[in-house]
Each structure stands twice: as structure tokens, then as C-alpha cells.
Amino acid sequence: MSRFDELKAIAKTYQDLAAENYARVRQLAEEVRAGFCDYLDASDGVCVQLVPPVGNFEPKPYGDQAFSVPPRGFRPLGPIAFGLAVRVTGGTDWIRITTQCQKIGDRFVLDIQGGESFTLALPLAEEDSTRLFGYLFNHLTSWFQEKIDHYEAGEYGTREIGFDFSREDTVANV
């Protein structure tokens, strides 16, 4: 085997693992999206979408573009970020939670930007789901409460960016 053939073989193994990693993170993200929407129990339509982890976003299904690595081509083998857009009003106001997921052994670690890390398995176990969804809900409500508290105390003039918001022009009953 030539050195070039050896290089191609190891690059193929790398890409096979990168494809496996992407598929697993994608599956986890879809489970979190659907499960968190069910957890919130919104009776008026879709309340969680997968969106890009950075930049402008609209509360719509982004598919492969919701992830920090491409679904095809030469992908990096490492943590993958994605955004969860959560509808926060009965109308069309959404907030984004940015997450990063990485495989450690047989488990996944989901890091919430500005929050905690969670060790999860695929498929999501009921106990993991309950703990994660409860945390996500508290993470969102705590953020709003902190801003309310700062306003009421007269200390709300910071330059902190915090969460990203989006407003959809149409009704959120997608």
C-alpha cells in the first residue's frame, strides 16, 4: 500500500466517523426538538424549531442548515452546534437557545450556552428527557425573570446580548 493509499484509508475512516457523529447528533436534536415541544404542551401549534446556532434565523425548519457542520462533504470530526428556537408568546415571538453536542464514549454531552451540560444517551431515556426539558424550561424562564428583576431594580442598561429573538410575520401554526 502506498503512503497515499494509507492517507486515503485513514481519511475515509475519519469521514465515516464524522458521518456517524452527524447522524447521531441530528437524531438527538430532532428528539430534543419534538420532546421539548411536547413538554411545553402548546395547544396552538409548533413551539420549537431547529435553527442555525448563530446568525439571523426565522422560526422554520432548517433541516441540515440548523447544524454547525454540513451533512455531506468533508466534515470535521468534533462537537456539533445547533439552535433551538422556542416560541415564547401566543403569537409569533421566538427565542433561540444555542447548544453544542459531543460524543464522549457511548454517551453524548449537550452543552447549553450560558447554562449547564447534560449527559444523554440515544434514544433519549425518559429520565434524561424530563431532566433536560425541565432545565431548558427553567433556563428560559430564569432568563426572563432576571431581566425583569434588573428592570425593576433599575439596573437593566447593560450591553449583554443574551438570547437571540426572531419574529415571524405569519402565525406560528406551522
C-alpha atoms as a PDB file:
ATOM      1  CA  MET A   1       0.000   0.000   0.000  1.00  0.00           C
ATOM      2  CA  SER A   2       1.373   3.402  -0.949  1.00  0.00           C
ATOM      3  CA  ARG A   3       1.508   6.248   1.528  1.00  0.00           C
ATOM      4  CA  PHE A   4      -1.230   7.974  -0.475  1.00  0.00           C
ATOM      5  CA  ASP A   5      -3.456   4.889  -0.228  1.00  0.00           C
ATOM      6  CA  GLU A   6      -2.779   4.822   3.510  1.00  0.00           C
ATOM      7  CA  LEU A   7      -3.711   8.522   3.748  1.00  0.00           C
ATOM      8  CA  LYS A   8      -6.943   7.918   1.789  1.00  0.00           C
ATOM      9  CA  ALA A   9      -7.838   4.957   4.009  1.00  0.00           C
ATOM     10  CA  ILE A  10      -7.423   6.880   7.248  1.00  0.00           C
ATOM     11  CA  ALA A  11      -9.287   9.890   5.793  1.00  0.00           C
ATOM     12  CA  LYS A  12     -12.152   7.545   4.854  1.00  0.00           C
ATOM     13  CA  THR A  13     -12.297   6.179   8.409  1.00  0.00           C
ATOM     14  CA  TYR A  14     -12.318   9.766   9.702  1.00  0.00           C
ATOM     15  CA  GLN A  15     -15.177  10.709   7.351  1.00  0.00           C
ATOM     16  CA  ASP A  16     -17.164   7.577   8.229  1.00  0.00           C
ATOM     17  CA  LEU A  17     -16.936   8.558  11.902  1.00  0.00           C
ATOM     18  CA  ALA A  18     -17.830  12.172  11.088  1.00  0.00           C
ATOM     19  CA  ALA A  19     -20.932  10.933   9.230  1.00  0.00           C
ATOM     20  CA  GLU A  20     -21.864   8.708  12.182  1.00  0.00           C
ATOM     21  CA  ASN A  21     -21.363  11.610  14.600  1.00  0.00           C
ATOM     22  CA  TYR A  22     -23.521  13.929  12.475  1.00  0.00           C
ATOM     23  CA  ALA A  23     -26.310  11.336  12.200  1.00  0.00           C
ATOM     24  CA  ARG A  24     -26.335  10.739  15.949  1.00  0.00           C
ATOM     25  CA  VAL A  25     -26.312  14.443  16.853  1.00  0.00           C
ATOM     26  CA  ARG A  26     -29.036  15.075  14.262  1.00  0.00           C
ATOM     27  CA  GLN A  27     -31.171  12.310  15.784  1.00  0.00           C
ATOM     28  CA  LEU A  28     -30.651  13.713  19.281  1.00  0.00           C
ATOM     29  CA  ALA A  29     -31.504  17.247  18.122  1.00  0.00           C
ATOM     30  CA  GLU A  30     -34.735  16.032  16.496  1.00  0.00           C
ATOM     31  CA  GLU A  31     -35.679  14.156  19.666  1.00  0.00           C
ATOM     32  CA  VAL A  32     -34.990  17.246  21.792  1.00  0.00           C
ATOM     33  CA  ARG A  33     -37.000  19.465  19.411  1.00  0.00           C
ATOM     34  CA  ALA A  34     -40.048  17.209  19.396  1.00  0.00           C
ATOM     35  CA  GLY A  35     -39.799  16.280  23.068  1.00  0.00           C
ATOM     36  CA  PHE A  36     -39.400  19.838  24.324  1.00  0.00           C
ATOM     37  CA  CYS A  37     -42.366  20.992  22.248  1.00  0.00           C
ATOM     38  CA  ASP A  38     -44.419  18.160  23.792  1.00  0.00           C
ATOM     39  CA  TYR A  39     -43.090  19.079  27.243  1.00  0.00           C
ATOM     40  CA  LEU A  40     -44.226  22.696  26.795  1.00  0.00           C
ATOM     41  CA  ASP A  41     -47.670  21.398  25.810  1.00  0.00           C
ATOM     42  CA  ALA A  42     -48.507  24.253  23.435  1.00  0.00           C
ATOM     43  CA  SER A  43     -52.056  23.811  22.220  1.00  0.00           C
ATOM     44  CA  ASP A  44     -51.723  26.383  19.456  1.00  0.00           C
ATOM     45  CA  GLY A  45     -49.149  24.905  17.073  1.00  0.00           C
ATOM     46  CA  VAL A  46     -45.457  24.228  16.752  1.00  0.00           C
ATOM     47  CA  CYS A  47     -43.447  25.753  19.579  1.00  0.00           C
ATOM     48  CA  VAL A  48     -39.866  24.509  18.955  1.00  0.00           C
ATOM     49  CA  GLN A  49     -37.828  24.503  15.722  1.00  0.00           C
ATOM     50  CA  LEU A  50     -34.242  23.537  14.918  1.00  0.00           C
ATOM     51  CA  VAL A  51     -32.436  26.648  13.659  1.00  0.00           C
ATOM     52  CA  PRO A  52     -28.817  27.620  12.962  1.00  0.00           C
ATOM     53  CA  PRO A  53     -26.778  28.155  16.147  1.00  0.00           C
ATOM     54  CA  VAL A  54     -25.532  31.605  15.039  1.00  0.00           C
ATOM     55  CA  GLY A  55     -26.665  34.431  12.809  1.00  0.00           C
ATOM     56  CA  ASN A  56     -30.140  35.537  11.865  1.00  0.00           C
ATOM     57  CA  PHE A  57     -32.865  32.934  11.990  1.00  0.00           C
ATOM     58  CA  GLU A  58     -36.519  32.517  11.285  1.00  0.00           C
ATOM     59  CA  PRO A  59     -38.665  30.057  13.236  1.00  0.00           C
ATOM     60  CA  LYS A  60     -38.915  27.483  10.458  1.00  0.00           C
ATOM     61  CA  PRO A  61     -37.469  24.034   9.831  1.00  0.00           C
ATOM     62  CA  TYR A  62     -33.903  24.499   8.559  1.00  0.00           C
ATOM     63  CA  GLY A  63     -33.080  20.846   8.089  1.00  0.00           C
ATOM     64  CA  ASP A  64     -29.347  20.372   7.582  1.00  0.00           C
ATOM     65  CA  GLN A  65     -28.668  24.121   7.882  1.00  0.00           C
ATOM     66  CA  ALA A  66     -29.607  24.012  11.592  1.00  0.00           C
ATOM     67  CA  PHE A  67     -26.240  22.395  12.352  1.00  0.00           C
ATOM     68  CA  SER A  68     -22.737  23.836  12.519  1.00  0.00           C
ATOM     69  CA  VAL A  69     -21.317  21.202  10.159  1.00  0.00           C
ATOM     70  CA  PRO A  70     -22.542  20.251   6.699  1.00  0.00           C
ATOM     71  CA  PRO A  71     -24.432  16.979   6.250  1.00  0.00           C
ATOM     72  CA  ARG A  72     -22.250  15.961   3.306  1.00  0.00           C
ATOM     73  CA  GLY A  73     -18.755  16.556   2.020  1.00  0.00           C
ATOM     74  CA  PHE A  74     -15.622  16.562   4.125  1.00  0.00           C
ATOM     75  CA  ARG A  75     -16.853  17.263   7.640  1.00  0.00           C
ATOM     76  CA  PRO A  76     -14.838  17.939  10.773  1.00  0.00           C
ATOM     77  CA  LEU A  77     -14.988  15.237  13.409  1.00  0.00           C
ATOM     78  CA  GLY A  78     -15.867  17.105  16.584  1.00  0.00           C
ATOM     79  CA  PRO A  79     -18.659  18.795  18.531  1.00  0.00           C
ATOM     80  CA  ILE A  80     -21.682  19.958  16.540  1.00  0.00           C
ATOM     81  CA  ALA A  81     -23.746  23.023  17.472  1.00  0.00           C
ATOM     82  CA  PHE A  82     -27.409  23.659  16.719  1.00  0.00           C
ATOM     83  CA  GLY A  83     -30.051  26.125  17.809  1.00  0.00           C
ATOM     84  CA  LEU A  84     -33.445  25.516  19.364  1.00  0.00           C
ATOM     85  CA  ALA A  85     -35.935  28.275  18.550  1.00  0.00           C
ATOM     86  CA  VAL A  86     -38.687  28.312  21.178  1.00  0.00           C
ATOM     87  CA  ARG A  87     -41.915  30.254  20.750  1.00  0.00           C
ATOM     88  CA  VAL A  88     -42.398  32.415  23.843  1.00  0.00           C
ATOM     89  CA  THR A  89     -45.741  34.063  23.100  1.00  0.00           C
ATOM     90  CA  GLY A  90     -49.129  33.001  21.802  1.00  0.00           C
ATOM     91  CA  GLY A  91     -48.174  34.973  18.708  1.00  0.00           C
ATOM     92  CA  THR A  92     -45.001  34.712  16.723  1.00  0.00           C
ATOM     93  CA  ASP A  93     -42.126  35.682  19.033  1.00  0.00           C
ATOM     94  CA  TRP A  94     -39.298  33.160  19.294  1.00  0.00           C
ATOM     95  CA  ILE A  95     -36.074  32.937  21.295  1.00  0.00           C
ATOM     96  CA  ARG A  96     -33.019  30.835  20.423  1.00  0.00           C
ATOM     97  CA  ILE A  97     -31.137  28.542  22.784  1.00  0.00           C
ATOM     98  CA  THR A  98     -27.735  27.578  21.391  1.00  0.00           C
ATOM     99  CA  THR A  99     -26.422  24.122  22.159  1.00  0.00           C
ATOM    100  CA  GLN A 100     -23.340  22.086  21.343  1.00  0.00           C
ATOM    101  CA  CYS A 101     -23.238  18.323  21.362  1.00  0.00           C
ATOM    102  CA  GLN A 102     -20.267  15.975  21.522  1.00  0.00           C
ATOM    103  CA  LYS A 103     -19.834  12.229  21.860  1.00  0.00           C
ATOM    104  CA  ILE A 104     -17.910  11.025  24.880  1.00  0.00           C
ATOM    105  CA  GLY A 105     -17.705   7.248  24.989  1.00  0.00           C
ATOM    106  CA  ASP A 106     -21.179   5.810  24.435  1.00  0.00           C
ATOM    107  CA  ARG A 107     -22.937   8.969  25.627  1.00  0.00           C
ATOM    108  CA  PHE A 108     -23.494  12.488  24.387  1.00  0.00           C
ATOM    109  CA  VAL A 109     -22.809  15.699  26.267  1.00  0.00           C
ATOM    110  CA  LEU A 110     -25.192  18.501  25.377  1.00  0.00           C
ATOM    111  CA  ASP A 111     -23.833  21.919  26.422  1.00  0.00           C
ATOM    112  CA  ILE A 112     -26.356  24.736  26.740  1.00  0.00           C
ATOM    113  CA  GLN A 113     -24.768  28.145  26.023  1.00  0.00           C
ATOM    114  CA  GLY A 114     -24.944  30.149  29.223  1.00  0.00           C
ATOM    115  CA  GLY A 115     -26.119  27.101  31.136  1.00  0.00           C
ATOM    116  CA  GLU A 116     -25.384  23.542  32.151  1.00  0.00           C
ATOM    117  CA  SER A 117     -24.125  20.417  30.406  1.00  0.00           C
ATOM    118  CA  PHE A 118     -26.172  17.249  30.206  1.00  0.00           C
ATOM    119  CA  THR A 119     -25.004  13.710  29.602  1.00  0.00           C
ATOM    120  CA  LEU A 120     -27.512  11.884  27.435  1.00  0.00           C
ATOM    121  CA  ALA A 121     -27.952   8.598  25.607  1.00  0.00           C
ATOM    122  CA  LEU A 122     -29.660   7.852  22.307  1.00  0.00           C
ATOM    123  CA  PRO A 123     -32.516   7.373  22.170  1.00  0.00           C
ATOM    124  CA  LEU A 124     -33.350   9.788  24.976  1.00  0.00           C
ATOM    125  CA  ALA A 125     -34.291   7.967  28.141  1.00  0.00           C
ATOM    126  CA  GLU A 126     -37.387   9.230  29.977  1.00  0.00           C
ATOM    127  CA  GLU A 127     -35.322  10.304  32.989  1.00  0.00           C
ATOM    128  CA  ASP A 128     -32.834  12.214  30.804  1.00  0.00           C
ATOM    129  CA  SER A 129     -35.677  13.863  28.874  1.00  0.00           C
ATOM    130  CA  THR A 130     -37.512  15.012  31.981  1.00  0.00           C
ATOM    131  CA  ARG A 131     -34.340  16.451  33.498  1.00  0.00           C
ATOM    132  CA  LEU A 132     -33.250  18.184  30.267  1.00  0.00           C
ATOM    133  CA  PHE A 133     -36.668  19.615  29.369  1.00  0.00           C
ATOM    134  CA  GLY A 134     -37.195  20.863  32.911  1.00  0.00           C
ATOM    135  CA  TYR A 135     -33.799  22.546  32.773  1.00  0.00           C
ATOM    136  CA  LEU A 136     -34.491  24.149  29.375  1.00  0.00           C
ATOM    137  CA  PHE A 137     -37.811  25.498  30.665  1.00  0.00           C
ATOM    138  CA  ASN A 138     -36.173  26.885  33.822  1.00  0.00           C
ATOM    139  CA  HIS A 139     -33.278  28.293  31.754  1.00  0.00           C
ATOM    140  CA  LEU A 140     -35.739  30.290  29.642  1.00  0.00           C
ATOM    141  CA  THR A 141     -37.962  31.456  32.494  1.00  0.00           C
ATOM    142  CA  SER A 142     -34.942  32.376  34.632  1.00  0.00           C
ATOM    143  CA  TRP A 143     -33.520  34.496  31.822  1.00  0.00           C
ATOM    144  CA  PHE A 144     -36.774  36.447  31.542  1.00  0.00           C
ATOM    145  CA  GLN A 145     -37.093  36.742  35.333  1.00  0.00           C
ATOM    146  CA  GLU A 146     -33.534  38.029  35.651  1.00  0.00           C
ATOM    147  CA  LYS A 147     -34.223  40.740  33.062  1.00  0.00           C
ATOM    148  CA  ILE A 148     -37.475  41.662  34.840  1.00  0.00           C
ATOM    149  CA  ASP A 149     -35.665  41.839  38.193  1.00  0.00           C
ATOM    150  CA  HIS A 150     -32.932  44.050  36.711  1.00  0.00           C
ATOM    151  CA  TYR A 151     -35.523  46.378  35.205  1.00  0.00           C
ATOM    152  CA  GLU A 152     -37.459  46.644  38.431  1.00  0.00           C
ATOM    153  CA  ALA A 153     -34.230  47.406  40.304  1.00  0.00           C
ATOM    154  CA  GLY A 154     -33.275  49.992  37.669  1.00  0.00           C
ATOM    155  CA  GLU A 155     -30.186  48.038  36.589  1.00  0.00           C
ATOM    156  CA  TYR A 156     -31.094  46.968  33.085  1.00  0.00           C
ATOM    157  CA  GLY A 157     -28.758  49.104  30.968  1.00  0.00           C
ATOM    158  CA  THR A 158     -26.087  46.506  30.136  1.00  0.00           C
ATOM    159  CA  ARG A 159     -24.526  45.645  26.801  1.00  0.00           C
ATOM    160  CA  GLU A 160     -25.159  41.937  27.237  1.00  0.00           C
ATOM    161  CA  ILE A 161     -26.622  40.318  24.138  1.00  0.00           C
ATOM    162  CA  GLY A 162     -28.093  37.192  25.762  1.00  0.00           C
ATOM    163  CA  PHE A 163     -30.665  35.280  23.785  1.00  0.00           C
ATOM    164  CA  ASP A 164     -31.464  35.960  20.131  1.00  0.00           C
ATOM    165  CA  PHE A 165     -35.060  36.764  19.229  1.00  0.00           C
ATOM    166  CA  SER A 166     -36.950  36.355  15.992  1.00  0.00           C
ATOM    167  CA  ARG A 167     -40.426  37.408  14.994  1.00  0.00           C
ATOM    168  CA  GLU A 168     -42.249  35.513  12.305  1.00  0.00           C
ATOM    169  CA  ASP A 169     -44.543  37.528  10.047  1.00  0.00           C
ATOM    170  CA  THR A 170     -47.175  34.816   9.854  1.00  0.00           C
ATOM    171  CA  VAL A 171     -48.985  32.851  12.539  1.00  0.00           C
ATOM    172  CA  ALA A 172     -46.837  30.178  14.197  1.00  0.00           C
ATOM    173  CA  ASN A 173     -49.209  27.295  13.415  1.00  0.00           C
ATOM    174  CA  VAL A 174     -46.761  25.564  11.070  1.00  0.00           C
END
